[in-house]
């Protein structure tokens, strides 16, 4: 895949830019051979175990973890940004009706665009750093409200207004279900959300940075990222992993079902990762979260994982194929009462913070991202035929 160097000479890079370093970042990294990833200087998994979603949000935006006073102040500040402008709320029923077949994630693209234009967001190119951060904070805080409202409207239910007195994850579940969640479920979802805030230069994060490099406003960058996430090769696997568990049904069917899928050229959803060559640390953590709840679904998922990994090792020797984040994410969200159509939107709730941190970082660089392509069509110039 020939591209061009800065001096316009050809440069060959892998298809899909796999492994190509395109910039520097202080936000984090994924070390796939070690099974480790981090936000800033901290292990992302340790953050998920020990800190709140709001604290990690603060870390991504400000570069340090807040102390007690800053933590409380930041949580209160973003809680006050959850409420939607009246004109946006009024438009949501129409957006939900128009997106009956495509769901809340598709509706979010429209709603985010409306929210950004209604707020008069200006291009990041024209704004100082603090104003960019304010725009990003407001949009990140509003995304859970938009998604839960669109879901409920799509189900024929009234949206549930956010509560300023609830932490981020508990408020999200409250807006989704209409019932204040118990502490174990709120904390389980919070750990999932923290663990999925950022994960290197994946497709949606890179998309957000490409748009930010043009100087566009924060809402435009986030709309583009949501579009990338909506593709089933990127954000659609948590519910599909649960669908696979449903299709298997019982432990005695695992071996036959898995072998049939693999030998037929199919994929086992929830297994394998383009970066990790060992166990996905997010999967390991979420397995432990699921096991805190226990029950038949968890026991079945653990047995499916054991047998699938053994069969993959037999049929695909030499390849390290383990569960990825989607496998146990689906189990945890199912146990916490989230409908399957909200699994990927819930991932989006967390990733919006990571996207925004990347947008803010990219906005500090005035260089537009503008790669080249190798032309592979008929040789030009050819004569234009007469009509």
Protein backbone atom coordinates (compact mmCIF):
# COMPACT_ATOMS: atom_id res chain seq x y z
CA UNK A 1 0.00 0.00 0.00
CA UNK A 2 2.25 2.82 -1.19
CA UNK A 3 1.88 6.22 0.48
CA UNK A 4 4.09 9.32 0.40
CA UNK A 5 6.85 10.52 2.70
CA UNK A 6 7.03 14.16 3.68
CA UNK A 7 9.32 14.72 0.70
CA UNK A 8 6.72 13.10 -1.62
CA UNK A 9 8.68 9.86 -2.12
CA UNK A 10 6.73 6.59 -1.83
CA UNK A 11 6.38 4.85 1.52
CA UNK A 12 4.84 1.38 1.85
CA UNK A 13 2.61 0.84 4.90
CA UNK A 14 0.36 -2.09 5.90
CA UNK A 15 -3.27 -2.25 4.82
CA UNK A 16 -5.49 -0.56 7.37
CA UNK A 17 -2.44 1.28 8.77
CA UNK A 18 -1.93 -1.66 11.16
CA UNK A 19 0.90 -0.83 13.55
CA UNK A 20 1.72 2.48 11.86
CA UNK A 21 2.56 5.22 14.37
CA UNK A 22 0.87 8.44 13.27
CA UNK A 23 1.43 10.79 16.21
CA UNK A 24 2.52 11.14 19.84
CA UNK A 25 -0.03 10.94 22.64
CA UNK A 26 0.07 11.43 26.41
CA UNK A 27 -3.35 9.82 26.92
CA UNK A 28 -2.38 6.16 27.12
CA UNK A 29 -1.28 3.09 25.23
CA UNK A 30 -2.04 -0.60 24.65
CA UNK A 31 0.81 -3.10 25.07
CA UNK A 32 -0.70 -6.11 23.38
CA UNK A 33 2.06 -8.64 23.98
CA UNK A 34 1.95 -7.92 27.70
CA UNK A 35 -1.83 -7.83 28.03
CA UNK A 36 -1.65 -4.33 29.54
CA UNK A 37 -3.09 -0.91 28.76
CA UNK A 38 -3.05 2.37 30.61
CA UNK A 39 -4.63 5.82 30.86
CA UNK A 40 -1.92 8.42 31.26
CA UNK A 41 0.52 6.87 33.77
CA UNK A 42 -1.96 4.53 35.48
CA UNK A 43 -3.12 1.00 34.75
CA UNK A 44 -6.62 1.28 33.30
CA UNK A 45 -7.70 -1.88 35.13
CA UNK A 46 -6.42 -0.59 38.47
CA UNK A 47 -8.29 2.66 37.85
CA UNK A 48 -11.48 0.69 37.15
CA UNK A 49 -11.06 -1.18 40.41
CA UNK A 50 -10.20 1.80 42.61
CA UNK A 51 -11.60 5.06 41.20
CA UNK A 52 -14.90 6.49 40.05
CA UNK A 53 -15.82 7.19 36.45
CA UNK A 54 -15.75 10.92 37.17
CA UNK A 55 -12.22 10.69 38.60
CA UNK A 56 -10.92 8.94 35.48
CA UNK A 57 -12.76 11.44 33.29
CA UNK A 58 -10.91 14.19 35.18
CA UNK A 59 -7.62 12.35 34.65
CA UNK A 60 -8.16 12.12 30.90
CA UNK A 61 -9.07 15.80 30.58
CA UNK A 62 -6.62 17.32 33.08
CA UNK A 63 -3.70 14.91 33.18
CA UNK A 64 -3.89 14.07 36.88
CA UNK A 65 -6.19 12.32 39.32
CA UNK A 66 -8.21 14.67 41.50
CA UNK A 67 -7.94 14.84 45.26
CA UNK A 68 -11.08 14.57 47.37
CA UNK A 69 -12.20 18.17 47.00
CA UNK A 70 -11.55 18.33 43.25
CA UNK A 71 -13.24 14.96 42.78
CA UNK A 72 -16.43 16.12 44.48
CA UNK A 73 -16.38 19.45 42.66
CA UNK A 74 -15.88 17.87 39.25
CA UNK A 75 -18.62 15.28 39.85
CA UNK A 76 -21.07 18.00 40.86
CA UNK A 77 -20.11 20.11 37.86
CA UNK A 78 -20.63 17.41 35.24
CA UNK A 79 -23.85 16.27 36.95
CA UNK A 80 -25.26 19.73 36.31
CA UNK A 81 -24.48 19.39 32.60
CA UNK A 82 -26.65 16.27 32.14
CA UNK A 83 -29.82 18.23 31.42
CA UNK A 84 -30.74 18.89 27.80
CA UNK A 85 -31.85 22.20 26.28
CA UNK A 86 -35.62 22.33 25.72
CA UNK A 87 -35.29 22.50 21.94
CA UNK A 88 -33.19 19.32 21.88
CA UNK A 89 -35.56 17.44 24.19
CA UNK A 90 -38.47 18.48 21.98
CA UNK A 91 -36.77 17.02 18.91
CA UNK A 92 -35.96 13.62 20.44
CA UNK A 93 -39.38 11.96 19.86
CA UNK A 94 -39.10 12.66 16.13
CA UNK A 95 -35.52 11.39 16.03
CA UNK A 96 -36.57 8.22 17.86
CA UNK A 97 -39.49 7.62 15.49
CA UNK A 98 -37.28 8.11 12.45
CA UNK A 99 -34.73 5.67 13.83
CA UNK A 100 -37.09 2.87 14.84
CA UNK A 101 -35.16 0.33 12.78
CA UNK A 102 -31.66 1.62 13.48
CA UNK A 103 -31.80 2.30 17.23
CA UNK A 104 -30.44 4.90 19.65
CA UNK A 105 -26.84 4.88 18.43
CA UNK A 106 -27.93 6.08 14.99
CA UNK A 107 -30.22 8.61 16.62
CA UNK A 108 -27.29 9.88 18.68
CA UNK A 109 -25.57 11.10 15.52
CA UNK A 110 -28.51 13.37 14.76
CA UNK A 111 -29.06 14.42 18.37
CA UNK A 112 -25.39 15.28 18.93
CA UNK A 113 -25.31 17.34 15.77
CA UNK A 114 -28.43 19.20 16.89
CA UNK A 115 -27.02 19.74 20.38
CA UNK A 116 -23.78 21.12 18.98
CA UNK A 117 -25.39 23.44 16.46
CA UNK A 118 -27.98 24.63 18.99
CA UNK A 119 -25.22 25.50 21.43
CA UNK A 120 -23.39 27.38 18.71
CA UNK A 121 -20.21 25.38 19.12
CA UNK A 122 -17.33 26.93 17.28
CA UNK A 123 -14.45 25.12 15.53
CA UNK A 124 -11.75 23.98 17.94
CA UNK A 125 -9.28 25.74 15.65
CA UNK A 126 -10.76 29.08 16.74
CA UNK A 127 -10.98 28.35 20.47
CA UNK A 128 -8.59 28.50 23.42
CA UNK A 129 -7.89 25.29 25.33
CA UNK A 130 -10.26 25.99 28.23
CA UNK A 131 -13.20 26.69 25.88
CA UNK A 132 -12.58 23.47 23.97
CA UNK A 133 -12.61 21.57 27.25
CA UNK A 134 -15.89 23.19 28.30
CA UNK A 135 -17.51 22.15 25.02
CA UNK A 136 -16.26 18.59 25.43
CA UNK A 137 -17.46 18.38 29.04
CA UNK A 138 -20.95 19.49 28.09
CA UNK A 139 -21.25 16.96 25.27
CA UNK A 140 -19.85 14.06 27.29
CA UNK A 141 -22.31 14.79 30.10
CA UNK A 142 -25.24 14.95 27.67
CA UNK A 143 -24.56 11.71 25.76
CA UNK A 144 -26.03 9.37 28.43
CA UNK A 145 -29.15 11.53 28.63
CA UNK A 146 -29.55 11.48 24.86
CA UNK A 147 -29.04 7.73 24.51
CA UNK A 148 -31.36 6.71 27.34
CA UNK A 149 -34.06 9.11 26.15
CA UNK A 150 -33.85 7.80 22.58
CA UNK A 151 -34.02 4.20 23.80
CA UNK A 152 -37.03 4.79 26.02
CA UNK A 153 -38.85 6.78 23.36
CA UNK A 154 -38.19 3.96 20.91
CA UNK A 155 -39.83 1.57 23.39
CA UNK A 156 -42.90 3.81 23.78
CA UNK A 157 -41.77 5.09 27.20
CA UNK A 158 -41.22 8.60 28.48
CA UNK A 159 -37.61 9.69 29.03
CA UNK A 160 -36.40 9.79 32.62
CA UNK A 161 -34.80 13.09 33.62
CA UNK A 162 -31.27 12.92 35.06
CA UNK A 163 -30.68 13.25 38.77
CA UNK A 164 -27.87 15.47 39.96
CA UNK A 165 -27.55 13.56 43.25
CA UNK A 166 -26.54 10.26 41.63
CA UNK A 167 -23.02 9.35 40.48
CA UNK A 168 -22.45 8.94 36.75
CA UNK A 169 -23.03 5.19 36.39
CA UNK A 170 -25.96 5.05 38.81
CA UNK A 171 -27.62 7.97 37.05
CA UNK A 172 -27.15 6.27 33.69
CA UNK A 173 -28.89 3.13 34.88
CA UNK A 174 -31.61 5.22 36.52
CA UNK A 175 -32.32 7.12 33.30
CA UNK A 176 -32.34 3.84 31.37
CA UNK A 177 -34.64 1.81 33.64
CA UNK A 178 -36.52 4.42 35.68
CA UNK A 179 -35.36 2.71 38.89
CA UNK A 180 -32.41 3.66 41.06
CA UNK A 181 -29.96 0.75 40.86
CA UNK A 182 -28.53 -1.06 43.85
CA UNK A 183 -24.90 -0.36 44.67
CA UNK A 184 -23.41 -3.64 43.32
CA UNK A 185 -24.97 -3.17 39.88
CA UNK A 186 -24.07 0.50 39.68
CA UNK A 187 -20.49 -0.28 40.63
CA UNK A 188 -20.28 -3.18 38.16
CA UNK A 189 -21.39 -0.94 35.30
CA UNK A 190 -19.04 1.79 36.49
CA UNK A 191 -16.06 -0.59 36.35
CA UNK A 192 -17.06 -1.56 32.82
CA UNK A 193 -17.39 2.08 31.80
CA UNK A 194 -13.98 3.02 33.23
CA UNK A 195 -12.33 0.06 31.50
CA UNK A 196 -13.63 1.15 28.08
CA UNK A 197 -12.95 4.91 28.13
CA UNK A 198 -9.96 4.61 25.82
CA UNK A 199 -7.99 1.90 24.05
CA UNK A 200 -5.34 3.21 21.71
CA UNK A 201 -5.90 4.43 18.17
CA UNK A 202 -8.89 2.25 17.33
CA UNK A 203 -11.07 3.14 14.34
CA UNK A 204 -13.45 5.52 16.10
CA UNK A 205 -10.72 7.29 18.09
CA UNK A 206 -8.64 7.78 14.96
CA UNK A 207 -11.73 9.07 13.15
CA UNK A 208 -12.34 11.62 15.91
CA UNK A 209 -8.74 12.80 15.64
CA UNK A 210 -8.87 13.06 11.84
CA UNK A 211 -11.90 15.34 12.06
CA UNK A 212 -10.34 17.30 14.94
CA UNK A 213 -7.24 17.85 12.78
CA UNK A 214 -9.41 19.83 10.37
CA UNK A 215 -10.27 22.22 13.21
CA UNK A 216 -13.98 21.23 13.30
CA UNK A 217 -16.11 21.71 16.41
CA UNK A 218 -16.22 19.04 19.12
CA UNK A 219 -19.72 17.87 18.20
CA UNK A 220 -18.68 17.25 14.59
CA UNK A 221 -15.72 15.19 15.78
CA UNK A 222 -17.93 13.10 18.09
CA UNK A 223 -20.58 12.53 15.40
CA UNK A 224 -17.87 11.13 13.14
CA UNK A 225 -16.59 8.87 15.91
CA UNK A 226 -20.08 7.53 16.59
CA UNK A 227 -20.40 6.73 12.91
CA UNK A 228 -17.21 4.68 13.03
CA UNK A 229 -18.33 2.90 16.21
CA UNK A 230 -21.64 1.91 14.64
CA UNK A 231 -19.89 -0.54 12.30
CA UNK A 232 -20.28 -4.15 13.47
CA UNK A 233 -16.55 -4.79 13.12
CA UNK A 234 -15.91 -2.17 15.80
CA UNK A 235 -18.64 -1.71 18.39
CA UNK A 236 -21.28 -4.35 17.86
CA UNK A 237 -19.94 -7.48 19.53
CA UNK A 238 -21.19 -7.50 23.19
CA UNK A 239 -24.75 -8.47 22.29
CA UNK A 240 -23.49 -10.83 19.58
CA UNK A 241 -21.36 -12.66 22.14
CA UNK A 242 -24.46 -13.22 24.26
CA UNK A 243 -26.36 -14.32 21.18
CA UNK A 244 -23.67 -16.99 20.71
CA UNK A 245 -24.23 -18.21 24.28
CA UNK A 246 -27.94 -18.41 23.53
CA UNK A 247 -27.27 -20.34 20.33
CA UNK A 248 -25.11 -22.87 22.19
CA UNK A 249 -27.74 -23.25 24.86
CA UNK A 250 -26.32 -25.96 27.12
CA UNK A 251 -22.85 -27.18 28.12
CA UNK A 252 -23.18 -30.44 26.19
CA UNK A 253 -23.57 -28.48 22.92
CA UNK A 254 -20.45 -26.35 23.30
CA UNK A 255 -17.95 -28.63 21.56
CA UNK A 256 -20.10 -29.44 18.54
CA UNK A 257 -21.34 -25.89 18.03
CA UNK A 258 -17.88 -24.33 18.30
CA UNK A 259 -16.24 -26.84 15.98
CA UNK A 260 -18.97 -26.37 13.39
CA UNK A 261 -18.49 -22.58 13.49
CA UNK A 262 -14.71 -22.72 13.21
CA UNK A 263 -14.52 -25.42 10.54
CA UNK A 264 -17.20 -23.58 8.56
CA UNK A 265 -15.09 -20.43 8.52
CA UNK A 266 -17.25 -18.54 11.01
CA UNK A 267 -16.16 -16.33 13.88
CA UNK A 268 -16.73 -17.00 17.57
CA UNK A 269 -17.92 -13.59 18.74
CA UNK A 270 -16.15 -12.34 21.84
CA UNK A 271 -12.87 -14.14 21.06
CA UNK A 272 -9.68 -12.76 19.55
CA UNK A 273 -8.34 -9.21 19.38
CA UNK A 274 -6.27 -7.35 16.76
CA UNK A 275 -3.78 -6.09 19.37
CA UNK A 276 -3.65 -8.48 22.32
CA UNK A 277 -1.53 -11.61 21.97
CA UNK A 278 -2.45 -12.74 25.46
CA UNK A 279 -5.58 -12.49 27.59
CA UNK A 280 -7.43 -9.18 27.26
CA UNK A 281 -7.06 -7.52 30.69
CA UNK A 282 -10.54 -6.06 30.37
CA UNK A 283 -12.00 -9.53 29.92
CA UNK A 284 -10.12 -10.81 32.97
CA UNK A 285 -11.47 -7.99 35.12
CA UNK A 286 -15.04 -8.31 33.84
CA UNK A 287 -14.96 -12.07 34.42
CA UNK A 288 -14.25 -11.35 38.08
CA UNK A 289 -17.06 -8.77 38.15
CA UNK A 290 -19.47 -11.33 36.69
CA UNK A 291 -18.35 -13.95 39.20
CA UNK A 292 -19.20 -11.57 42.03
CA UNK A 293 -22.83 -11.97 40.94
CA UNK A 294 -22.56 -15.68 40.14
CA UNK A 295 -25.42 -17.77 38.79
CA UNK A 296 -26.09 -20.08 35.83
CA UNK A 297 -25.26 -17.53 33.11
CA UNK A 298 -21.84 -16.82 34.63
CA UNK A 299 -21.04 -20.51 35.14
CA UNK A 300 -22.04 -21.24 31.55
CA UNK A 301 -19.97 -18.35 30.17
CA UNK A 302 -16.88 -19.52 32.08
CA UNK A 303 -17.32 -23.07 30.73
CA UNK A 304 -17.82 -21.78 27.17
CA UNK A 305 -14.64 -19.72 27.50
CA UNK A 306 -12.69 -22.76 28.74
CA UNK A 307 -13.84 -25.05 25.96
CA UNK A 308 -13.61 -22.49 23.15
CA UNK A 309 -10.01 -21.63 24.05
CA UNK A 310 -9.11 -25.34 24.12
CA UNK A 311 -10.74 -25.97 20.73
CA UNK A 312 -9.13 -22.88 19.19
CA UNK A 313 -5.73 -24.04 20.47
CA UNK A 314 -6.34 -27.42 18.83
CA UNK A 315 -7.69 -26.18 15.50
CA UNK A 316 -5.56 -23.03 15.19
CA UNK A 317 -2.22 -24.02 16.77
CA UNK A 318 0.30 -21.27 17.31
CA UNK A 319 -2.31 -18.53 17.63
CA UNK A 320 -3.19 -16.90 20.94
CA UNK A 321 -6.98 -16.53 20.90
CA UNK A 322 -8.70 -15.56 24.13
CA UNK A 323 -11.86 -13.77 25.17
CA UNK A 324 -11.91 -10.06 24.45
CA UNK A 325 -13.75 -7.31 26.33
CA UNK A 326 -17.06 -7.98 24.59
CA UNK A 327 -17.51 -11.54 25.91
CA UNK A 328 -17.85 -10.76 29.61
CA UNK A 329 -19.08 -7.22 29.01
CA UNK A 330 -22.25 -8.74 27.60
CA UNK A 331 -22.59 -11.02 30.61
CA UNK A 332 -22.10 -8.17 33.10
CA UNK A 333 -24.55 -5.87 31.34
CA UNK A 334 -27.14 -8.64 31.12
CA UNK A 335 -26.78 -9.27 34.87
CA UNK A 336 -27.20 -5.56 35.54
CA UNK A 337 -30.47 -5.35 33.62
CA UNK A 338 -29.37 -3.52 30.48
CA UNK A 339 -31.28 -4.48 27.32
CA UNK A 340 -29.06 -5.92 24.61
CA UNK A 341 -29.81 -3.14 22.16
CA UNK A 342 -28.15 -0.78 24.67
CA UNK A 343 -24.87 -2.70 25.01
CA UNK A 344 -23.03 -0.83 22.26
CA UNK A 345 -24.60 2.53 23.21
CA UNK A 346 -23.34 1.94 26.76
CA UNK A 347 -19.86 1.38 25.37
CA UNK A 348 -20.33 4.68 23.52
CA UNK A 349 -21.18 6.46 26.79
CA UNK A 350 -17.72 5.61 28.12
CA UNK A 351 -15.79 5.99 24.89
CA UNK A 352 -17.16 9.53 24.36
CA UNK A 353 -14.86 10.66 27.17
CA UNK A 354 -11.88 8.99 25.51
CA UNK A 355 -12.77 10.42 22.12
CA UNK A 356 -13.08 13.87 23.64
CA UNK A 357 -9.70 13.64 25.35
CA UNK A 358 -8.19 12.69 21.99
CA UNK A 359 -9.99 15.57 20.28
CA UNK A 360 -8.60 18.01 22.83
CA UNK A 361 -5.09 16.62 22.37
CA UNK A 362 -5.34 16.69 18.57
CA UNK A 363 -6.59 20.27 18.64
CA UNK A 364 -3.20 21.31 20.02
CA UNK A 365 -1.58 20.19 16.73
CA UNK A 366 -2.19 22.44 13.74
CA UNK A 367 -1.17 19.76 11.21
CA UNK A 368 -4.12 18.29 9.30
CA UNK A 369 -4.15 14.49 8.94
CA UNK A 370 -3.95 13.95 5.20
CA UNK A 371 -2.58 10.56 4.08
CA UNK A 372 -2.12 9.47 0.48
CA UNK A 373 -3.56 6.58 -1.53
CA UNK A 374 -2.08 4.45 -4.27
CA UNK A 375 -4.09 4.73 -7.49
CA UNK A 376 -4.89 1.24 -8.82
CA UNK A 377 -7.39 1.98 -11.63
CA UNK A 378 -6.98 2.06 -15.43
CA UNK A 379 -3.84 3.96 -16.49
CA UNK A 380 -4.51 7.66 -17.19
CA UNK A 381 -4.80 9.78 -19.19
CA UNK A 382 -7.09 8.09 -21.67
CA UNK A 383 -9.10 9.92 -24.34
CA UNK A 384 -12.62 10.89 -23.27
CA UNK A 385 -15.07 9.18 -25.66
CA UNK A 386 -17.52 11.30 -27.60
CA UNK A 387 -21.16 11.16 -26.37
